[in-house]
Amino acid sequence: MGRPEKIRLGDVLVAQKLISQEQLKQALEAQKRGGRRLGRVLVDEGILSEEQIAEGLARQLGLTFINLKYYNFNRKVSARLPAAFAPWR
């Protein structure tokens, strides 16, 4: 079994038409200057939301993105979790 091809986050975001090639270039330059991760640069610059970055990371890693804001948790189960793991309690 071969190693999966590594796809860069910036390429995923461009392919999904969330950012332009020019925006990617500018964000990569800002990343080099500031040492921040690409996703953080894009969020801090107001280009993308954290949710869009999370969706892009999921696509990059071949994972399914689930937005927990829209997930109905079983209250009986979540009540058994320590507060540190269940901040919505």
PDB file of N, CA and C in Angstrom:
ATOM      1  N   MET A   1       0.852  -1.173   0.000  1.00  0.00           N
ATOM      2  CA  MET A   1       0.000   0.000   0.000  1.00  0.00           C
ATOM      3  C   MET A   1       0.898   1.236   0.000  1.00  0.00           C
ATOM      4  N   GLY A   2       0.731   2.139  -0.940  1.00  0.00           N
ATOM      5  CA  GLY A   2       1.558   3.330  -1.055  1.00  0.00           C
ATOM      6  C   GLY A   2       1.090   4.438  -0.145  1.00  0.00           C
ATOM      7  N   ARG A   3       1.981   5.379   0.069  1.00  0.00           N
ATOM      8  CA  ARG A   3       1.629   6.540   0.882  1.00  0.00           C
ATOM      9  C   ARG A   3       0.664   7.422   0.109  1.00  0.00           C
ATOM     10  N   PRO A   4      -0.341   7.964   0.795  1.00  0.00           N
ATOM     11  CA  PRO A   4      -1.254   8.870   0.107  1.00  0.00           C
ATOM     12  C   PRO A   4      -0.519  10.147  -0.292  1.00  0.00           C
ATOM     13  N   GLU A   5      -0.936  10.704  -1.408  1.00  0.00           N
ATOM     14  CA  GLU A   5      -0.330  11.941  -1.889  1.00  0.00           C
ATOM     15  C   GLU A   5      -0.663  13.071  -0.922  1.00  0.00           C
ATOM     16  N   LYS A   6       0.362  13.823  -0.526  1.00  0.00           N
ATOM     17  CA  LYS A   6       0.140  14.931   0.390  1.00  0.00           C
ATOM     18  C   LYS A   6      -0.352  16.138  -0.393  1.00  0.00           C
ATOM     19  N   ILE A   7      -1.508  16.615  -0.020  1.00  0.00           N
ATOM     20  CA  ILE A   7      -2.105  17.775  -0.664  1.00  0.00           C
ATOM     21  C   ILE A   7      -2.010  18.934   0.316  1.00  0.00           C
ATOM     22  N   ARG A   8      -1.480  20.042  -0.142  1.00  0.00           N
ATOM     23  CA  ARG A   8      -1.333  21.205   0.730  1.00  0.00           C
ATOM     24  C   ARG A   8      -2.679  21.890   0.943  1.00  0.00           C
ATOM     25  N   LEU A   9      -2.855  22.420   2.149  1.00  0.00           N
ATOM     26  CA  LEU A   9      -4.110  23.078   2.502  1.00  0.00           C
ATOM     27  C   LEU A   9      -4.431  24.210   1.533  1.00  0.00           C
ATOM     28  N   GLY A  10      -3.451  25.023   1.202  1.00  0.00           N
ATOM     29  CA  GLY A  10      -3.690  26.126   0.276  1.00  0.00           C
ATOM     30  C   GLY A  10      -4.231  25.650  -1.055  1.00  0.00           C
ATOM     31  N   ASP A  11      -3.696  24.540  -1.558  1.00  0.00           N
ATOM     32  CA  ASP A  11      -4.178  23.988  -2.828  1.00  0.00           C
ATOM     33  C   ASP A  11      -5.617  23.499  -2.706  1.00  0.00           C
ATOM     34  N   VAL A  12      -5.955  22.923  -1.555  1.00  0.00           N
ATOM     35  CA  VAL A  12      -7.333  22.464  -1.321  1.00  0.00           C
ATOM     36  C   VAL A  12      -8.277  23.657  -1.333  1.00  0.00           C
ATOM     37  N   LEU A  13      -7.896  24.731  -0.657  1.00  0.00           N
ATOM     38  CA  LEU A  13      -8.757  25.909  -0.571  1.00  0.00           C
ATOM     39  C   LEU A  13      -8.930  26.592  -1.925  1.00  0.00           C
ATOM     40  N   VAL A  14      -7.878  26.608  -2.730  1.00  0.00           N
ATOM     41  CA  VAL A  14      -7.977  27.171  -4.083  1.00  0.00           C
ATOM     42  C   VAL A  14      -8.869  26.282  -4.946  1.00  0.00           C
ATOM     43  N   ALA A  15      -8.669  24.964  -4.856  1.00  0.00           N
ATOM     44  CA  ALA A  15      -9.479  24.033  -5.654  1.00  0.00           C
ATOM     45  C   ALA A  15     -10.966  24.142  -5.310  1.00  0.00           C
ATOM     46  N   GLN A  16     -11.261  24.426  -4.048  1.00  0.00           N
ATOM     47  CA  GLN A  16     -12.654  24.573  -3.623  1.00  0.00           C
ATOM     48  C   GLN A  16     -13.200  25.979  -3.894  1.00  0.00           C
ATOM     49  N   LYS A  17     -12.336  26.818  -4.502  1.00  0.00           N
ATOM     50  CA  LYS A  17     -12.701  28.194  -4.852  1.00  0.00           C
ATOM     51  C   LYS A  17     -13.076  29.029  -3.624  1.00  0.00           C
ATOM     52  N   LEU A  18     -12.452  28.697  -2.480  1.00  0.00           N
ATOM     53  CA  LEU A  18     -12.650  29.487  -1.277  1.00  0.00           C
ATOM     54  C   LEU A  18     -11.707  30.685  -1.242  1.00  0.00           C
ATOM     55  N   ILE A  19     -10.542  30.531  -1.881  1.00  0.00           N
ATOM     56  CA  ILE A  19      -9.592  31.628  -2.008  1.00  0.00           C
ATOM     57  C   ILE A  19      -9.035  31.602  -3.428  1.00  0.00           C
ATOM     58  N   SER A  20      -8.502  32.743  -3.841  1.00  0.00           N
ATOM     59  CA  SER A  20      -7.879  32.817  -5.159  1.00  0.00           C
ATOM     60  C   SER A  20      -6.398  32.456  -5.048  1.00  0.00           C
ATOM     61  N   GLN A  21      -5.779  32.226  -6.174  1.00  0.00           N
ATOM     62  CA  GLN A  21      -4.348  31.948  -6.203  1.00  0.00           C
ATOM     63  C   GLN A  21      -3.569  33.143  -5.636  1.00  0.00           C
ATOM     64  N   GLU A  22      -4.040  34.346  -5.926  1.00  0.00           N
ATOM     65  CA  GLU A  22      -3.392  35.560  -5.410  1.00  0.00           C
ATOM     66  C   GLU A  22      -3.524  35.650  -3.892  1.00  0.00           C
ATOM     67  N   GLN A  23      -4.699  35.338  -3.364  1.00  0.00           N
ATOM     68  CA  GLN A  23      -4.884  35.346  -1.910  1.00  0.00           C
ATOM     69  C   GLN A  23      -3.972  34.319  -1.238  1.00  0.00           C
ATOM     70  N   LEU A  24      -3.828  33.155  -1.873  1.00  0.00           N
ATOM     71  CA  LEU A  24      -2.943  32.130  -1.340  1.00  0.00           C
ATOM     72  C   LEU A  24      -1.508  32.633  -1.303  1.00  0.00           C
ATOM     73  N   LYS A  25      -1.080  33.268  -2.394  1.00  0.00           N
ATOM     74  CA  LYS A  25       0.280  33.788  -2.474  1.00  0.00           C
ATOM     75  C   LYS A  25       0.531  34.812  -1.364  1.00  0.00           C
ATOM     76  N   GLN A  26      -0.407  35.727  -1.174  1.00  0.00           N
ATOM     77  CA  GLN A  26      -0.262  36.750  -0.139  1.00  0.00           C
ATOM     78  C   GLN A  26      -0.256  36.127   1.261  1.00  0.00           C
ATOM     79  N   ALA A  27      -1.112  35.133   1.481  1.00  0.00           N
ATOM     80  CA  ALA A  27      -1.172  34.483   2.786  1.00  0.00           C
ATOM     81  C   ALA A  27       0.109  33.703   3.070  1.00  0.00           C
ATOM     82  N   LEU A  28       0.678  33.062   2.048  1.00  0.00           N
ATOM     83  CA  LEU A  28       1.929  32.329   2.235  1.00  0.00           C
ATOM     84  C   LEU A  28       3.076  33.284   2.569  1.00  0.00           C
ATOM     85  N   GLU A  29       3.069  34.462   1.956  1.00  0.00           N
ATOM     86  CA  GLU A  29       4.085  35.472   2.275  1.00  0.00           C
ATOM     87  C   GLU A  29       3.933  35.943   3.724  1.00  0.00           C
ATOM     88  N   ALA A  30       2.687  36.177   4.154  1.00  0.00           N
ATOM     89  CA  ALA A  30       2.430  36.587   5.537  1.00  0.00           C
ATOM     90  C   ALA A  30       2.820  35.471   6.506  1.00  0.00           C
ATOM     91  N   GLN A  31       2.599  34.235   6.095  1.00  0.00           N
ATOM     92  CA  GLN A  31       2.971  33.083   6.919  1.00  0.00           C
ATOM     93  C   GLN A  31       4.479  33.055   7.149  1.00  0.00           C
ATOM     94  N   LYS A  32       5.239  33.287   6.091  1.00  0.00           N
ATOM     95  CA  LYS A  32       6.697  33.292   6.204  1.00  0.00           C
ATOM     96  C   LYS A  32       7.178  34.418   7.106  1.00  0.00           C
ATOM     97  N   ARG A  33       6.551  35.584   6.975  1.00  0.00           N
ATOM     98  CA  ARG A  33       6.961  36.734   7.784  1.00  0.00           C
ATOM     99  C   ARG A  33       6.636  36.544   9.259  1.00  0.00           C
ATOM    100  N   GLY A  34       5.473  35.994   9.545  1.00  0.00           N
ATOM    101  CA  GLY A  34       5.003  35.935  10.931  1.00  0.00           C
ATOM    102  C   GLY A  34       5.142  34.595  11.617  1.00  0.00           C
ATOM    103  N   GLY A  35       5.416  33.546  10.865  1.00  0.00           N
ATOM    104  CA  GLY A  35       5.566  32.230  11.468  1.00  0.00           C
ATOM    105  C   GLY A  35       4.263  31.566  11.891  1.00  0.00           C
ATOM    106  N   ARG A  36       3.130  32.127  11.478  1.00  0.00           N
ATOM    107  CA  ARG A  36       1.836  31.526  11.818  1.00  0.00           C
ATOM    108  C   ARG A  36       1.471  30.461  10.784  1.00  0.00           C
ATOM    109  N   ARG A  37       0.571  29.607  11.146  1.00  0.00           N
ATOM    110  CA  ARG A  37       0.068  28.607  10.202  1.00  0.00           C
ATOM    111  C   ARG A  37      -0.812  29.295   9.162  1.00  0.00           C
ATOM    112  N   LEU A  38      -0.885  28.682   7.990  1.00  0.00           N
ATOM    113  CA  LEU A  38      -1.642  29.262   6.883  1.00  0.00           C
ATOM    114  C   LEU A  38      -3.095  29.519   7.265  1.00  0.00           C
ATOM    115  N   GLY A  39      -3.732  28.553   7.884  1.00  0.00           N
ATOM    116  CA  GLY A  39      -5.135  28.718   8.278  1.00  0.00           C
ATOM    117  C   GLY A  39      -5.327  29.896   9.209  1.00  0.00           C
ATOM    118  N   ARG A  40      -4.411  30.074  10.153  1.00  0.00           N
ATOM    119  CA  ARG A  40      -4.498  31.191  11.098  1.00  0.00           C
ATOM    120  C   ARG A  40      -4.347  32.515  10.366  1.00  0.00           C
ATOM    121  N   VAL A  41      -3.439  32.572   9.402  1.00  0.00           N
ATOM    122  CA  VAL A  41      -3.257  33.795   8.611  1.00  0.00           C
ATOM    123  C   VAL A  41      -4.560  34.137   7.888  1.00  0.00           C
ATOM    124  N   LEU A  42      -5.173  33.160   7.246  1.00  0.00           N
ATOM    125  CA  LEU A  42      -6.397  33.396   6.479  1.00  0.00           C
ATOM    126  C   LEU A  42      -7.547  33.845   7.373  1.00  0.00           C
ATOM    127  N   VAL A  43      -7.625  33.297   8.576  1.00  0.00           N
ATOM    128  CA  VAL A  43      -8.675  33.706   9.517  1.00  0.00           C
ATOM    129  C   VAL A  43      -8.378  35.105  10.049  1.00  0.00           C
ATOM    130  N   ASP A  44      -7.129  35.329  10.474  1.00  0.00           N
ATOM    131  CA  ASP A  44      -6.764  36.635  11.030  1.00  0.00           C
ATOM    132  C   ASP A  44      -6.942  37.763  10.020  1.00  0.00           C
ATOM    133  N   GLU A  45      -6.735  37.464   8.745  1.00  0.00           N
ATOM    134  CA  GLU A  45      -6.892  38.474   7.694  1.00  0.00           C
ATOM    135  C   GLU A  45      -8.353  38.638   7.274  1.00  0.00           C
ATOM    136  N   GLY A  46      -9.254  37.834   7.839  1.00  0.00           N
ATOM    137  CA  GLY A  46     -10.677  37.939   7.520  1.00  0.00           C
ATOM    138  C   GLY A  46     -11.047  37.351   6.170  1.00  0.00           C
ATOM    139  N   ILE A  47     -10.178  36.510   5.626  1.00  0.00           N
ATOM    140  CA  ILE A  47     -10.439  35.923   4.307  1.00  0.00           C
ATOM    141  C   ILE A  47     -11.354  34.711   4.421  1.00  0.00           C
ATOM    142  N   LEU A  48     -11.113  33.888   5.449  1.00  0.00           N
ATOM    143  CA  LEU A  48     -11.936  32.702   5.682  1.00  0.00           C
ATOM    144  C   LEU A  48     -12.307  32.614   7.159  1.00  0.00           C
ATOM    145  N   SER A  49     -13.341  31.850   7.446  1.00  0.00           N
ATOM    146  CA  SER A  49     -13.738  31.612   8.831  1.00  0.00           C
ATOM    147  C   SER A  49     -13.006  30.377   9.357  1.00  0.00           C
ATOM    148  N   GLU A  50     -13.002  30.221  10.665  1.00  0.00           N
ATOM    149  CA  GLU A  50     -12.401  29.028  11.263  1.00  0.00           C
ATOM    150  C   GLU A  50     -13.114  27.769  10.774  1.00  0.00           C
ATOM    151  N   GLU A  51     -14.412  27.860  10.588  1.00  0.00           N
ATOM    152  CA  GLU A  51     -15.176  26.714  10.094  1.00  0.00           C
ATOM    153  C   GLU A  51     -14.734  26.327   8.681  1.00  0.00           C
ATOM    154  N   GLN A  52     -14.502  27.305   7.815  1.00  0.00           N
ATOM    155  CA  GLN A  52     -14.039  27.012   6.458  1.00  0.00           C
ATOM    156  C   GLN A  52     -12.653  26.363   6.477  1.00  0.00           C
ATOM    157  N   ILE A  53     -11.786  26.827   7.378  1.00  0.00           N
ATOM    158  CA  ILE A  53     -10.467  26.216   7.509  1.00  0.00           C
ATOM    159  C   ILE A  53     -10.613  24.775   7.991  1.00  0.00           C
ATOM    160  N   ALA A  54     -11.477  24.544   8.970  1.00  0.00           N
ATOM    161  CA  ALA A  54     -11.686  23.192   9.486  1.00  0.00           C
ATOM    162  C   ALA A  54     -12.214  22.262   8.384  1.00  0.00           C
ATOM    163  N   GLU A  55     -13.119  22.759   7.558  1.00  0.00           N
ATOM    164  CA  GLU A  55     -13.638  21.967   6.437  1.00  0.00           C
ATOM    165  C   GLU A  55     -12.525  21.665   5.447  1.00  0.00           C
ATOM    166  N   GLY A  56     -11.676  22.666   5.165  1.00  0.00           N
ATOM    167  CA  GLY A  56     -10.547  22.468   4.257  1.00  0.00           C
ATOM    168  C   GLY A  56      -9.555  21.452   4.804  1.00  0.00           C
ATOM    169  N   LEU A  57      -9.280  21.517   6.104  1.00  0.00           N
ATOM    170  CA  LEU A  57      -8.373  20.541   6.728  1.00  0.00           C
ATOM    171  C   LEU A  57      -8.952  19.133   6.639  1.00  0.00           C
ATOM    172  N   ALA A  58     -10.249  19.015   6.841  1.00  0.00           N
ATOM    173  CA  ALA A  58     -10.896  17.701   6.727  1.00  0.00           C
ATOM    174  C   ALA A  58     -10.742  17.155   5.305  1.00  0.00           C
ATOM    175  N   ARG A  59     -10.955  17.996   4.305  1.00  0.00           N
ATOM    176  CA  ARG A  59     -10.774  17.566   2.911  1.00  0.00           C
ATOM    177  C   ARG A  59      -9.324  17.189   2.655  1.00  0.00           C
ATOM    178  N   GLN A  60      -8.401  17.987   3.177  1.00  0.00           N
ATOM    179  CA  GLN A  60      -6.972  17.720   2.992  1.00  0.00           C
ATOM    180  C   GLN A  60      -6.599  16.345   3.555  1.00  0.00           C
ATOM    181  N   LEU A  61      -7.188  15.992   4.688  1.00  0.00           N
ATOM    182  CA  LEU A  61      -6.862  14.732   5.359  1.00  0.00           C
ATOM    183  C   LEU A  61      -7.765  13.576   4.941  1.00  0.00           C
ATOM    184  N   GLY A  62      -8.733  13.859   4.079  1.00  0.00           N
ATOM    185  CA  GLY A  62      -9.648  12.805   3.630  1.00  0.00           C
ATOM    186  C   GLY A  62     -10.625  12.369   4.704  1.00  0.00           C
ATOM    187  N   LEU A  63     -11.005  13.309   5.570  1.00  0.00           N
ATOM    188  CA  LEU A  63     -11.930  13.020   6.665  1.00  0.00           C
ATOM    189  C   LEU A  63     -13.272  13.694   6.420  1.00  0.00           C
ATOM    190  N   THR A  64     -14.277  13.192   7.077  1.00  0.00           N
ATOM    191  CA  THR A  64     -15.598  13.805   7.021  1.00  0.00           C
ATOM    192  C   THR A  64     -15.651  14.927   8.047  1.00  0.00           C
ATOM    193  N   PHE A  65     -16.111  16.096   7.638  1.00  0.00           N
ATOM    194  CA  PHE A  65     -16.248  17.221   8.550  1.00  0.00           C
ATOM    195  C   PHE A  65     -17.637  17.188   9.148  1.00  0.00           C
ATOM    196  N   ILE A  66     -17.697  17.270  10.477  1.00  0.00           N
ATOM    197  CA  ILE A  66     -18.977  17.323  11.176  1.00  0.00           C
ATOM    198  C   ILE A  66     -18.983  18.580  12.027  1.00  0.00           C
ATOM    199  N   ASN A  67     -19.916  19.458  11.771  1.00  0.00           N
ATOM    200  CA  ASN A  67     -20.045  20.679  12.558  1.00  0.00           C
ATOM    201  C   ASN A  67     -20.874  20.360  13.790  1.00  0.00           C
ATOM    202  N   LEU A  68     -20.232  20.346  14.946  1.00  0.00           N
ATOM    203  CA  LEU A  68     -20.908  19.956  16.178  1.00  0.00           C
ATOM    204  C   LEU A  68     -21.942  20.973  16.647  1.00  0.00           C
ATOM    205  N   LYS A  69     -21.941  22.165  16.038  1.00  0.00           N
ATOM    206  CA  LYS A  69     -22.979  23.141  16.382  1.00  0.00           C
ATOM    207  C   LYS A  69     -24.362  22.610  16.008  1.00  0.00           C
ATOM    208  N   TYR A  70     -24.404  21.748  15.024  1.00  0.00           N
ATOM    209  CA  TYR A  70     -25.683  21.246  14.530  1.00  0.00           C
ATOM    210  C   TYR A  70     -25.941  19.796  14.933  1.00  0.00           C
ATOM    211  N   TYR A  71     -25.183  19.301  15.899  1.00  0.00           N
ATOM    212  CA  TYR A  71     -25.325  17.915  16.342  1.00  0.00           C
ATOM    213  C   TYR A  71     -26.064  17.901  17.665  1.00  0.00           C
ATOM    214  N   ASN A  72     -27.097  17.089  17.751  1.00  0.00           N
ATOM    215  CA  ASN A  72     -27.865  16.964  18.990  1.00  0.00           C
ATOM    216  C   ASN A  72     -27.216  15.906  19.876  1.00  0.00           C
ATOM    217  N   PHE A  73     -26.636  16.364  20.982  1.00  0.00           N
ATOM    218  CA  PHE A  73     -25.989  15.450  21.909  1.00  0.00           C
ATOM    219  C   PHE A  73     -27.022  14.813  22.824  1.00  0.00           C
ATOM    220  N   ASN A  74     -26.770  13.585  23.201  1.00  0.00           N
ATOM    221  CA  ASN A  74     -27.597  12.906  24.181  1.00  0.00           C
ATOM    222  C   ASN A  74     -27.270  13.526  25.540  1.00  0.00           C
ATOM    223  N   ARG A  75     -28.195  14.219  26.138  1.00  0.00           N
ATOM    224  CA  ARG A  75     -27.961  14.942  27.393  1.00  0.00           C
ATOM    225  C   ARG A  75     -27.561  14.005  28.541  1.00  0.00           C
ATOM    226  N   LYS A  76     -28.118  12.796  28.573  1.00  0.00           N
ATOM    227  CA  LYS A  76     -27.761  11.859  29.645  1.00  0.00           C
ATOM    228  C   LYS A  76     -26.292  11.457  29.550  1.00  0.00           C
ATOM    229  N   VAL A  77     -25.816  11.267  28.346  1.00  0.00           N
ATOM    230  CA  VAL A  77     -24.417  10.904  28.153  1.00  0.00           C
ATOM    231  C   VAL A  77     -23.522  12.101  28.445  1.00  0.00           C
ATOM    232  N   SER A  78     -23.867  13.260  27.908  1.00  0.00           N
ATOM    233  CA  SER A  78     -23.016  14.430  28.106  1.00  0.00           C
ATOM    234  C   SER A  78     -22.990  14.866  29.570  1.00  0.00           C
ATOM    235  N   ALA A  79     -24.031  14.597  30.329  1.00  0.00           N
ATOM    236  CA  ALA A  79     -24.052  14.955  31.748  1.00  0.00           C
ATOM    237  C   ALA A  79     -23.040  14.143  32.545  1.00  0.00           C
ATOM    238  N   ARG A  80     -22.640  12.994  32.026  1.00  0.00           N
ATOM    239  CA  ARG A  80     -21.667  12.145  32.723  1.00  0.00           C
ATOM    240  C   ARG A  80     -20.227  12.560  32.449  1.00  0.00           C
ATOM    241  N   LEU A  81     -20.019  13.446  31.477  1.00  0.00           N
ATOM    242  CA  LEU A  81     -18.671  13.892  31.139  1.00  0.00           C
ATOM    243  C   LEU A  81     -18.200  14.936  32.143  1.00  0.00           C
ATOM    244  N   PRO A  82     -16.888  14.933  32.434  1.00  0.00           N
ATOM    245  CA  PRO A  82     -16.351  16.021  33.258  1.00  0.00           C
ATOM    246  C   PRO A  82     -16.554  17.357  32.530  1.00  0.00           C
ATOM    247  N   ALA A  83     -16.723  18.415  33.284  1.00  0.00           N
ATOM    248  CA  ALA A  83     -17.005  19.737  32.699  1.00  0.00           C
ATOM    249  C   ALA A  83     -15.942  20.156  31.695  1.00  0.00           C
ATOM    250  N   ALA A  84     -14.709  19.745  31.882  1.00  0.00           N
ATOM    251  CA  ALA A  84     -13.636  20.120  30.948  1.00  0.00           C
ATOM    252  C   ALA A  84     -13.884  19.551  29.549  1.00  0.00           C
ATOM    253  N   PHE A  85     -14.603  18.446  29.458  1.00  0.00           N
ATOM    254  CA  PHE A  85     -14.897  17.827  28.167  1.00  0.00           C
ATOM    255  C   PHE A  85     -16.263  18.215  27.633  1.00  0.00           C
ATOM    256  N   ALA A  86     -17.044  18.899  28.409  1.00  0.00           N
ATOM    257  CA  ALA A  86     -18.394  19.270  28.015  1.00  0.00           C
ATOM    258  C   ALA A  86     -18.649  20.737  28.360  1.00  0.00           C
ATOM    259  N   PRO A  87     -17.981  21.662  27.646  1.00  0.00           N
ATOM    260  CA  PRO A  87     -18.114  23.079  27.982  1.00  0.00           C
ATOM    261  C   PRO A  87     -19.519  23.642  27.795  1.00  0.00           C
ATOM    262  N   TRP A  88     -20.384  22.930  27.101  1.00  0.00           N
ATOM    263  CA  TRP A  88     -21.750  23.427  26.860  1.00  0.00           C
ATOM    264  C   TRP A  88     -22.656  23.173  28.063  1.00  0.00           C
ATOM    265  N   ARG A  89     -22.184  22.387  29.043  1.00  0.00           N
ATOM    266  CA  ARG A  89     -23.013  22.055  30.211  1.00  0.00           C
ATOM    267  C   ARG A  89     -23.264  23.253  31.075  1.00  0.00           C
TER     268      ARG A  89
END
